[in-house]
Amino acid sequence: MSVVTTLLPPQAPPPAPARPYTLSRFVGSAVLGIWLALAVGIFLTVVDGWDPAKFSRYAPNYLSGLGVTLLLVALSITLGAVVSLPLAFARMSNNKLLSWPAYAYVYFFRGTPLLTQLFLVYYGLGSFSAELKAMGLWGFFRDAWNCALLTFTLNTAAYQAEILRGAIESVPRGQHEGAASLGLPGRVTFFKIILPQALIVALRPYGNEIILMIKGSAIVSIVTVFDLMGETRRAFSRTFDYQTYLWAALLYLMIVELMRNVWAWLEARLTRHLKR
């Protein structure tokens, strides 16, 4: 007795059930339509009001302000990274004389607005000009650029210290034990084994911190630093054209997007050995 086996031909998948057009879908479509209409209206307004003469006149000033912004952010991030390393060690220390002041520092600079900190340094310390002159420090604190750099450095150092502390503590305990079993000194263990792994963990938070510093740097224009926003305010005061702020917004958007893509590439490059 023979058995004949017949295979069924492949069948098309059943059609997806029709989605009912609910009230939430209607509201969502209406809101999306309103946003699209606003975007088209803004675009047409910008095109209609475009003034090439103003753009060519103030473009060099914008580029100069952009350079000031990038220099301020780069220096503050670099100096903040230098300060954050001992600060992170102090936060992790069992010695209360080290951990408590470090905690107070981080708590203050992470818990108060950056603008308030800038005013405290620029206007607050300016109230003690006689004392600063006696100590020979007035030459530094009378310059708005120096005050902005100091404020940004102190602020980002607090954030970077917490990022670094969390990253170091996330390294598995077995890494420490493995290094100890090989007889490696503590200094070598930290700089060759623990810190590289911690920096990979901290890479994305570091990128977020840099982007936040780029956007937060706009407040220095309030204390007469002619960064990108400072040049924008000066251009607007002379033209009263809202597009001056639109140009600044586009430049900030370009910087942030470029930074995001570069950081994503760097993260993928440095973590390629972790992918399976």
C-alpha atoms as a PDB file:
ATOM      1  CA  MET A   1       0.000   0.000   0.000  1.00  0.00           C
ATOM      2  CA  SER A   2       1.559   3.269  -1.092  1.00  0.00           C
ATOM      3  CA  VAL A   3       0.885   6.664   0.419  1.00  0.00           C
ATOM      4  CA  VAL A   4       0.825   9.661  -1.908  1.00  0.00           C
ATOM      5  CA  THR A   5       1.769  12.947  -0.271  1.00  0.00           C
ATOM      6  CA  THR A   6       0.608  16.112  -1.955  1.00  0.00           C
ATOM      7  CA  LEU A   7       2.041  19.446  -0.791  1.00  0.00           C
ATOM      8  CA  LEU A   8      -0.221  22.410  -0.799  1.00  0.00           C
ATOM      9  CA  PRO A   9       1.021  25.350  -2.839  1.00  0.00           C
ATOM     10  CA  PRO A  10       2.053  28.441  -0.878  1.00  0.00           C
ATOM     11  CA  GLN A  11      -0.875  30.588   0.050  1.00  0.00           C
ATOM     12  CA  ALA A  12      -1.048  34.358   0.313  1.00  0.00           C
ATOM     13  CA  PRO A  13      -1.304  35.700   3.864  1.00  0.00           C
ATOM     14  CA  PRO A  14      -4.761  36.650   4.998  1.00  0.00           C
ATOM     15  CA  PRO A  15      -5.614  40.312   4.499  1.00  0.00           C
ATOM     16  CA  ALA A  16      -5.077  42.572   7.468  1.00  0.00           C
ATOM     17  CA  PRO A  17      -8.272  43.583   9.207  1.00  0.00           C
ATOM     18  CA  ALA A  18      -9.446  47.050   8.336  1.00  0.00           C
ATOM     19  CA  ARG A  19      -8.628  49.612  11.015  1.00  0.00           C
ATOM     20  CA  PRO A  20     -11.674  51.573  12.105  1.00  0.00           C
ATOM     21  CA  TYR A  21     -11.419  55.346  11.706  1.00  0.00           C
ATOM     22  CA  THR A  22     -11.715  56.286  15.359  1.00  0.00           C
ATOM     23  CA  LEU A  23     -11.941  59.697  16.982  1.00  0.00           C
ATOM     24  CA  SER A  24      -8.279  59.545  18.047  1.00  0.00           C
ATOM     25  CA  ARG A  25      -7.173  58.931  14.445  1.00  0.00           C
ATOM     26  CA  PHE A  26      -9.301  61.855  13.288  1.00  0.00           C
ATOM     27  CA  VAL A  27      -7.792  64.178  15.917  1.00  0.00           C
ATOM     28  CA  GLY A  28      -4.289  63.005  15.061  1.00  0.00           C
ATOM     29  CA  SER A  29      -4.850  63.609  11.338  1.00  0.00           C
ATOM     30  CA  ALA A  30      -6.264  67.070  12.062  1.00  0.00           C
ATOM     31  CA  VAL A  31      -3.315  68.050  14.254  1.00  0.00           C
ATOM     32  CA  LEU A  32      -0.863  66.763  11.659  1.00  0.00           C
ATOM     33  CA  GLY A  33      -2.623  68.778   8.974  1.00  0.00           C
ATOM     34  CA  ILE A  34      -2.444  71.929  11.093  1.00  0.00           C
ATOM     35  CA  TRP A  35       1.288  71.441  11.676  1.00  0.00           C
ATOM     36  CA  LEU A  36       1.896  70.889   7.968  1.00  0.00           C
ATOM     37  CA  ALA A  37      -0.085  74.013   7.105  1.00  0.00           C
ATOM     38  CA  LEU A  38       1.929  76.038   9.632  1.00  0.00           C
ATOM     39  CA  ALA A  39       5.213  74.667   8.262  1.00  0.00           C
ATOM     40  CA  VAL A  40       4.222  75.560   4.705  1.00  0.00           C
ATOM     41  CA  GLY A  41       3.112  79.021   5.820  1.00  0.00           C
ATOM     42  CA  ILE A  42       6.370  79.702   7.628  1.00  0.00           C
ATOM     43  CA  PHE A  43       8.378  78.487   4.655  1.00  0.00           C
ATOM     44  CA  LEU A  44       6.458  80.728   2.247  1.00  0.00           C
ATOM     45  CA  THR A  45       6.843  83.696   4.604  1.00  0.00           C
ATOM     46  CA  VAL A  46      10.585  83.155   4.826  1.00  0.00           C
ATOM     47  CA  VAL A  47      10.924  82.851   1.063  1.00  0.00           C
ATOM     48  CA  ASP A  48       8.826  85.966   0.501  1.00  0.00           C
ATOM     49  CA  GLY A  49      10.813  88.000   3.046  1.00  0.00           C
ATOM     50  CA  TRP A  50      14.283  86.782   2.053  1.00  0.00           C
ATOM     51  CA  ASP A  51      16.735  89.665   1.803  1.00  0.00           C
ATOM     52  CA  PRO A  52      20.071  88.688   0.229  1.00  0.00           C
ATOM     53  CA  ALA A  53      21.593  92.074   1.114  1.00  0.00           C
ATOM     54  CA  LYS A  54      21.064  91.528   4.845  1.00  0.00           C
ATOM     55  CA  PHE A  55      22.351  88.004   4.657  1.00  0.00           C
ATOM     56  CA  SER A  56      25.555  89.008   2.846  1.00  0.00           C
ATOM     57  CA  ARG A  57      26.070  91.892   5.266  1.00  0.00           C
ATOM     58  CA  TYR A  58      25.691  89.922   8.506  1.00  0.00           C
ATOM     59  CA  ALA A  59      26.931  86.480   7.415  1.00  0.00           C
ATOM     60  CA  PRO A  60      30.567  87.259   8.396  1.00  0.00           C
ATOM     61  CA  ASN A  61      29.390  88.322  11.845  1.00  0.00           C
ATOM     62  CA  TYR A  62      27.457  85.089  12.210  1.00  0.00           C
ATOM     63  CA  LEU A  63      30.501  83.053  11.273  1.00  0.00           C
ATOM     64  CA  SER A  64      32.589  85.000  13.779  1.00  0.00           C
ATOM     65  CA  GLY A  65      30.009  84.373  16.486  1.00  0.00           C
ATOM     66  CA  LEU A  66      29.878  80.709  15.542  1.00  0.00           C
ATOM     67  CA  GLY A  67      33.631  80.484  16.061  1.00  0.00           C
ATOM     68  CA  VAL A  68      33.295  82.082  19.492  1.00  0.00           C
ATOM     69  CA  THR A  69      30.568  79.603  20.435  1.00  0.00           C
ATOM     70  CA  LEU A  70      32.557  76.572  19.325  1.00  0.00           C
ATOM     71  CA  LEU A  71      35.720  77.803  21.067  1.00  0.00           C
ATOM     72  CA  LEU A  72      33.856  78.466  24.308  1.00  0.00           C
ATOM     73  CA  VAL A  73      32.206  75.046  24.300  1.00  0.00           C
ATOM     74  CA  ALA A  74      35.406  73.209  23.345  1.00  0.00           C
ATOM     75  CA  LEU A  75      37.485  74.866  26.058  1.00  0.00           C
ATOM     76  CA  SER A  76      34.860  74.453  28.769  1.00  0.00           C
ATOM     77  CA  ILE A  77      34.290  70.780  27.913  1.00  0.00           C
ATOM     78  CA  THR A  78      38.049  70.090  27.930  1.00  0.00           C
ATOM     79  CA  LEU A  79      38.741  71.943  31.166  1.00  0.00           C
ATOM     80  CA  GLY A  80      35.622  70.425  32.735  1.00  0.00           C
ATOM     81  CA  ALA A  81      36.876  66.941  31.871  1.00  0.00           C
ATOM     82  CA  VAL A  82      40.143  67.691  33.676  1.00  0.00           C
ATOM     83  CA  VAL A  83      38.279  68.895  36.770  1.00  0.00           C
ATOM     84  CA  SER A  84      35.736  66.058  36.689  1.00  0.00           C
ATOM     85  CA  LEU A  85      38.269  63.246  37.160  1.00  0.00           C
ATOM     86  CA  PRO A  86      39.414  64.173  40.706  1.00  0.00           C
ATOM     87  CA  LEU A  87      35.864  65.262  41.468  1.00  0.00           C
ATOM     88  CA  ALA A  88      34.536  61.823  40.533  1.00  0.00           C
ATOM     89  CA  PHE A  89      37.195  60.210  42.736  1.00  0.00           C
ATOM     90  CA  ALA A  90      36.143  62.441  45.616  1.00  0.00           C
ATOM     91  CA  ARG A  91      32.486  61.461  45.085  1.00  0.00           C
ATOM     92  CA  MET A  92      33.420  57.763  45.314  1.00  0.00           C
ATOM     93  CA  SER A  93      35.737  58.207  48.281  1.00  0.00           C
ATOM     94  CA  ASN A  94      34.860  56.762  51.684  1.00  0.00           C
ATOM     95  CA  ASN A  95      36.457  59.787  53.309  1.00  0.00           C
ATOM     96  CA  LYS A  96      33.677  62.187  54.281  1.00  0.00           C
ATOM     97  CA  LEU A  97      36.049  65.154  54.086  1.00  0.00           C
ATOM     98  CA  LEU A  98      36.319  64.464  50.354  1.00  0.00           C
ATOM     99  CA  SER A  99      32.934  63.024  49.453  1.00  0.00           C
ATOM    100  CA  TRP A 100      30.760  65.627  51.191  1.00  0.00           C
ATOM    101  CA  PRO A 101      32.304  68.754  49.595  1.00  0.00           C
ATOM    102  CA  ALA A 102      32.280  66.995  46.226  1.00  0.00           C
ATOM    103  CA  TYR A 103      28.612  66.095  46.705  1.00  0.00           C
ATOM    104  CA  ALA A 104      27.783  69.695  47.651  1.00  0.00           C
ATOM    105  CA  TYR A 105      29.602  70.978  44.564  1.00  0.00           C
ATOM    106  CA  VAL A 106      27.798  68.598  42.224  1.00  0.00           C
ATOM    107  CA  TYR A 107      24.461  69.209  43.941  1.00  0.00           C
ATOM    108  CA  PHE A 108      24.761  72.981  43.564  1.00  0.00           C
ATOM    109  CA  PHE A 109      25.891  73.115  39.951  1.00  0.00           C
ATOM    110  CA  ARG A 110      23.433  70.460  38.787  1.00  0.00           C
ATOM    111  CA  GLY A 111      20.548  71.864  40.807  1.00  0.00           C
ATOM    112  CA  THR A 112      20.723  75.540  39.818  1.00  0.00           C
ATOM    113  CA  PRO A 113      20.182  77.138  36.397  1.00  0.00           C
ATOM    114  CA  LEU A 114      23.248  77.835  34.315  1.00  0.00           C
ATOM    115  CA  LEU A 115      22.099  81.428  33.847  1.00  0.00           C
ATOM    116  CA  THR A 116      22.034  81.948  37.610  1.00  0.00           C
ATOM    117  CA  GLN A 117      25.559  80.604  37.900  1.00  0.00           C
ATOM    118  CA  LEU A 118      26.741  82.933  35.143  1.00  0.00           C
ATOM    119  CA  PHE A 119      25.188  85.932  36.892  1.00  0.00           C
ATOM    120  CA  LEU A 120      26.772  84.923  40.202  1.00  0.00           C
ATOM    121  CA  VAL A 121      30.212  84.841  38.608  1.00  0.00           C
ATOM    122  CA  TYR A 122      29.873  87.871  36.326  1.00  0.00           C
ATOM    123  CA  TYR A 123      27.781  90.232  38.454  1.00  0.00           C
ATOM    124  CA  GLY A 124      28.303  88.687  41.891  1.00  0.00           C
ATOM    125  CA  LEU A 125      32.094  88.583  41.857  1.00  0.00           C
ATOM    126  CA  GLY A 126      32.098  91.951  40.111  1.00  0.00           C
ATOM    127  CA  SER A 127      30.716  93.410  43.331  1.00  0.00           C
ATOM    128  CA  PHE A 128      34.023  92.531  44.998  1.00  0.00           C
ATOM    129  CA  SER A 129      36.206  94.326  42.477  1.00  0.00           C
ATOM    130  CA  ALA A 130      38.312  95.998  45.181  1.00  0.00           C
ATOM    131  CA  GLU A 131      39.137  92.677  46.813  1.00  0.00           C
ATOM    132  CA  LEU A 132      39.831  91.057  43.452  1.00  0.00           C
ATOM    133  CA  LYS A 133      42.129  93.922  42.486  1.00  0.00           C
ATOM    134  CA  ALA A 134      44.023  93.471  45.747  1.00  0.00           C
ATOM    135  CA  MET A 135      44.526  89.788  44.913  1.00  0.00           C
ATOM    136  CA  GLY A 136      45.443  90.519  41.298  1.00  0.00           C
ATOM    137  CA  LEU A 137      42.419  88.667  39.906  1.00  0.00           C
ATOM    138  CA  TRP A 138      40.389  91.592  38.608  1.00  0.00           C
ATOM    139  CA  GLY A 139      42.033  91.381  35.207  1.00  0.00           C
ATOM    140  CA  PHE A 140      40.476  87.944  34.787  1.00  0.00           C
ATOM    141  CA  PHE A 141      37.007  88.576  36.214  1.00  0.00           C
ATOM    142  CA  ARG A 142      36.369  91.891  34.464  1.00  0.00           C
ATOM    143  CA  ASP A 143      36.278  90.098  31.117  1.00  0.00           C
ATOM    144  CA  ALA A 144      32.876  88.597  30.296  1.00  0.00           C
ATOM    145  CA  TRP A 145      34.517  85.892  28.177  1.00  0.00           C
ATOM    146  CA  ASN A 146      36.601  84.662  31.127  1.00  0.00           C
ATOM    147  CA  CYS A 147      33.576  84.654  33.427  1.00  0.00           C
ATOM    148  CA  ALA A 148      31.569  82.658  30.885  1.00  0.00           C
ATOM    149  CA  LEU A 149      34.403  80.166  30.426  1.00  0.00           C
ATOM    150  CA  LEU A 150      34.798  79.716  34.190  1.00  0.00           C
ATOM    151  CA  THR A 151      31.058  79.255  34.708  1.00  0.00           C
ATOM    152  CA  PHE A 152      30.701  76.758  31.894  1.00  0.00           C
ATOM    153  CA  THR A 153      33.749  74.824  33.078  1.00  0.00           C
ATOM    154  CA  LEU A 154      32.461  74.543  36.641  1.00  0.00           C
ATOM    155  CA  ASN A 155      28.995  73.564  35.433  1.00  0.00           C
ATOM    156  CA  THR A 156      30.030  70.874  32.976  1.00  0.00           C
ATOM    157  CA  ALA A 157      32.614  69.515  35.435  1.00  0.00           C
ATOM    158  CA  ALA A 158      29.773  68.662  37.823  1.00  0.00           C
ATOM    159  CA  TYR A 159      27.827  66.832  35.124  1.00  0.00           C
ATOM    160  CA  GLN A 160      30.878  65.066  33.740  1.00  0.00           C
ATOM    161  CA  ALA A 161      31.905  63.963  37.233  1.00  0.00           C
ATOM    162  CA  GLU A 162      28.553  62.244  37.735  1.00  0.00           C
ATOM    163  CA  ILE A 163      28.726  60.669  34.281  1.00  0.00           C
ATOM    164  CA  LEU A 164      32.220  59.385  34.976  1.00  0.00           C
ATOM    165  CA  ARG A 165      31.363  58.185  38.472  1.00  0.00           C
ATOM    166  CA  GLY A 166      28.393  56.191  37.217  1.00  0.00           C
ATOM    167  CA  ALA A 167      30.440  54.730  34.378  1.00  0.00           C
ATOM    168  CA  ILE A 168      33.295  53.667  36.664  1.00  0.00           C
ATOM    169  CA  GLU A 169      30.916  52.045  39.119  1.00  0.00           C
ATOM    170  CA  SER A 170      29.217  50.170  36.271  1.00  0.00           C
ATOM    171  CA  VAL A 171      32.415  48.266  35.424  1.00  0.00           C
ATOM    172  CA  PRO A 172      31.966  44.706  36.772  1.00  0.00           C
ATOM    173  CA  ARG A 173      33.777  43.813  39.973  1.00  0.00           C
ATOM    174  CA  GLY A 174      35.392  40.897  38.184  1.00  0.00           C
ATOM    175  CA  GLN A 175      37.558  43.314  36.202  1.00  0.00           C
ATOM    176  CA  HIS A 176      39.140  44.545  39.430  1.00  0.00           C
ATOM    177  CA  GLU A 177      39.578  41.006  40.724  1.00  0.00           C
ATOM    178  CA  GLY A 178      41.115  39.808  37.459  1.00  0.00           C
ATOM    179  CA  ALA A 179      43.629  42.650  37.498  1.00  0.00           C
ATOM    180  CA  ALA A 180      44.485  41.935  41.130  1.00  0.00           C
ATOM    181  CA  SER A 181      45.020  38.253  40.362  1.00  0.00           C
ATOM    182  CA  LEU A 182      47.588  39.259  37.727  1.00  0.00           C
ATOM    183  CA  GLY A 183      49.401  41.415  40.249  1.00  0.00           C
ATOM    184  CA  LEU A 184      48.753  44.681  38.422  1.00  0.00           C
ATOM    185  CA  PRO A 185      49.207  47.868  40.448  1.00  0.00           C
ATOM    186  CA  GLY A 186      46.124  49.909  41.219  1.00  0.00           C
ATOM    187  CA  ARG A 187      47.206  52.795  38.971  1.00  0.00           C
ATOM    188  CA  VAL A 188      47.746  50.491  36.003  1.00  0.00           C
ATOM    189  CA  THR A 189      44.484  48.707  36.699  1.00  0.00           C
ATOM    190  CA  PHE A 190      42.531  51.953  36.652  1.00  0.00           C
ATOM    191  CA  PHE A 191      44.066  53.627  33.613  1.00  0.00           C
ATOM    192  CA  LYS A 192      44.517  50.498  31.480  1.00  0.00           C
ATOM    193  CA  ILE A 193      41.480  48.409  32.378  1.00  0.00           C
ATOM    194  CA  ILE A 194      38.781  50.255  34.325  1.00  0.00           C
ATOM    195  CA  LEU A 195      38.856  53.727  32.757  1.00  0.00           C
ATOM    196  CA  PRO A 196      38.739  52.583  29.088  1.00  0.00           C
ATOM    197  CA  GLN A 197      35.666  50.451  29.788  1.00  0.00           C
ATOM    198  CA  ALA A 198      34.065  53.258  31.767  1.00  0.00           C
ATOM    199  CA  LEU A 199      34.626  55.756  28.960  1.00  0.00           C
ATOM    200  CA  ILE A 200      32.815  53.477  26.516  1.00  0.00           C
ATOM    201  CA  VAL A 201      29.834  53.389  28.877  1.00  0.00           C
ATOM    202  CA  ALA A 202      30.011  57.179  29.311  1.00  0.00           C
ATOM    203  CA  LEU A 203      30.384  57.923  25.610  1.00  0.00           C
ATOM    204  CA  ARG A 204      26.732  58.612  24.858  1.00  0.00           C
ATOM    205  CA  PRO A 205      26.099  60.712  28.010  1.00  0.00           C
ATOM    206  CA  TYR A 206      29.207  62.714  27.142  1.00  0.00           C
ATOM    207  CA  GLY A 207      27.765  63.405  23.705  1.00  0.00           C
ATOM    208  CA  ASN A 208      24.497  64.566  25.243  1.00  0.00           C
ATOM    209  CA  GLU A 209      26.407  66.858  27.589  1.00  0.00           C
ATOM    210  CA  ILE A 210      28.312  68.455  24.706  1.00  0.00           C
ATOM    211  CA  ILE A 211      25.081  69.058  22.790  1.00  0.00           C
ATOM    212  CA  LEU A 212      23.479  70.610  25.875  1.00  0.00           C
ATOM    213  CA  MET A 213      26.495  72.872  26.300  1.00  0.00           C
ATOM    214  CA  ILE A 214      26.273  73.996  22.681  1.00  0.00           C
ATOM    215  CA  LYS A 215      22.630  74.976  23.094  1.00  0.00           C
ATOM    216  CA  GLY A 216      23.180  76.442  26.561  1.00  0.00           C
ATOM    217  CA  SER A 217      26.045  78.606  25.355  1.00  0.00           C
ATOM    218  CA  ALA A 218      23.511  81.052  23.921  1.00  0.00           C
ATOM    219  CA  ILE A 219      23.063  82.629  27.359  1.00  0.00           C
ATOM    220  CA  VAL A 220      26.529  84.210  27.266  1.00  0.00           C
ATOM    221  CA  SER A 221      25.142  86.830  24.906  1.00  0.00           C
ATOM    222  CA  ILE A 222      23.390  88.327  27.931  1.00  0.00           C
ATOM    223  CA  VAL A 223      26.746  89.267  29.486  1.00  0.00           C
ATOM    224  CA  THR A 224      28.037  90.946  26.286  1.00  0.00           C
ATOM    225  CA  VAL A 225      29.895  87.995  24.793  1.00  0.00           C
ATOM    226  CA  PHE A 226      29.382  88.163  21.031  1.00  0.00           C
ATOM    227  CA  ASP A 227      28.904  84.508  20.323  1.00  0.00           C
ATOM    228  CA  LEU A 228      26.433  83.273  17.726  1.00  0.00           C
ATOM    229  CA  MET A 229      23.431  84.469  19.716  1.00  0.00           C
ATOM    230  CA  GLY A 230      25.186  87.731  20.580  1.00  0.00           C
ATOM    231  CA  GLU A 231      25.760  88.488  16.911  1.00  0.00           C
ATOM    232  CA  THR A 232      22.144  87.518  16.238  1.00  0.00           C
ATOM    233  CA  ARG A 233      20.870  89.986  18.823  1.00  0.00           C
ATOM    234  CA  ARG A 234      23.066  92.727  17.366  1.00  0.00           C
ATOM    235  CA  ALA A 235      21.805  92.005  13.850  1.00  0.00           C
ATOM    236  CA  PHE A 236      18.199  92.072  15.030  1.00  0.00           C
ATOM    237  CA  SER A 237      18.699  95.366  16.868  1.00  0.00           C
ATOM    238  CA  ARG A 238      19.770  96.941  13.581  1.00  0.00           C
ATOM    239  CA  THR A 239      17.296  95.315  11.203  1.00  0.00           C
ATOM    240  CA  PHE A 240      14.299  94.242  13.357  1.00  0.00           C
ATOM    241  CA  ASP A 241      14.003  91.287  11.008  1.00  0.00           C
ATOM    242  CA  TYR A 242      12.872  88.075  12.665  1.00  0.00           C
ATOM    243  CA  GLN A 243      14.831  86.071  10.108  1.00  0.00           C
ATOM    244  CA  THR A 244      18.044  86.942  11.932  1.00  0.00           C
ATOM    245  CA  TYR A 245      16.919  84.573  14.694  1.00  0.00           C
ATOM    246  CA  LEU A 246      15.870  82.006  12.110  1.00  0.00           C
ATOM    247  CA  TRP A 247      19.407  82.000  10.678  1.00  0.00           C
ATOM    248  CA  ALA A 248      20.796  81.438  14.166  1.00  0.00           C
ATOM    249  CA  ALA A 249      18.349  78.597  14.783  1.00  0.00           C
ATOM    250  CA  LEU A 250      19.410  76.910  11.552  1.00  0.00           C
ATOM    251  CA  LEU A 251      23.097  77.236  12.463  1.00  0.00           C
ATOM    252  CA  TYR A 252      22.505  75.747  15.916  1.00  0.00           C
ATOM    253  CA  LEU A 253      20.500  72.951  14.330  1.00  0.00           C
ATOM    254  CA  MET A 254      23.302  72.216  11.861  1.00  0.00           C
ATOM    255  CA  ILE A 255      25.913  72.114  14.635  1.00  0.00           C
ATOM    256  CA  VAL A 256      23.844  69.818  16.816  1.00  0.00           C
ATOM    257  CA  GLU A 257      22.979  67.488  13.951  1.00  0.00           C
ATOM    258  CA  LEU A 258      26.610  67.312  12.837  1.00  0.00           C
ATOM    259  CA  MET A 259      27.696  66.615  16.390  1.00  0.00           C
ATOM    260  CA  ARG A 260      25.051  63.914  16.781  1.00  0.00           C
ATOM    261  CA  ASN A 261      26.154  62.108  13.631  1.00  0.00           C
ATOM    262  CA  VAL A 262      29.857  62.376  14.442  1.00  0.00           C
ATOM    263  CA  TRP A 263      29.235  61.044  17.941  1.00  0.00           C
ATOM    264  CA  ALA A 264      27.110  58.176  16.611  1.00  0.00           C
ATOM    265  CA  TRP A 265      29.921  57.248  14.220  1.00  0.00           C
ATOM    266  CA  LEU A 266      32.491  57.458  17.009  1.00  0.00           C
ATOM    267  CA  GLU A 267      30.371  55.301  19.302  1.00  0.00           C
ATOM    268  CA  ALA A 268      29.875  52.687  16.580  1.00  0.00           C
ATOM    269  CA  ARG A 269      33.593  52.739  15.843  1.00  0.00           C
ATOM    270  CA  LEU A 270      34.701  52.306  19.446  1.00  0.00           C
ATOM    271  CA  THR A 271      32.120  49.651  20.318  1.00  0.00           C
ATOM    272  CA  ARG A 272      32.388  47.532  17.167  1.00  0.00           C
ATOM    273  CA  HIS A 273      34.144  44.769  19.142  1.00  0.00           C
ATOM    274  CA  LEU A 274      31.084  44.479  21.410  1.00  0.00           C
ATOM    275  CA  LYS A 275      28.654  43.719  18.596  1.00  0.00           C
ATOM    276  CA  ARG A 276      27.733  40.130  17.825  1.00  0.00           C
END
